[in-house]
Amino acid sequence: MLSEEIQTALKTDNAILGYRRSIRFIKLNQAKLIVMASNAPDKIKNEIEHISKLSNSKFELFSGNSKDLGILCGRPFPVSVLTIKG
């Protein structure tokens, strides 16, 4: 399940939160999984999807919005992009 994988990555400190940090990490070809909130802006969605295809990283769309993803991560703020290290 996606939520369990996110929880495990957060506990083991293998998760990167945020658009800018995720972009940098994906470009280094070190991302195993990229999770994006369903309400992320189209520009960000398109860019992350494109870069993830180039780096052969798995991309999944989170069923909830960015607030739900932030709550799942235990953060008091919305999270639009989360990257799990590979």
Foldseek 3Di string as FASTA:
>chain_A
DVLVVLVVLLVVVQKDFDQVVVLVCLQVLFFAEKEFEPPPDPVSVVVVVVSCVVSVHHYDYDDHGQCVVCVSSVHNDGTGMMTGTD
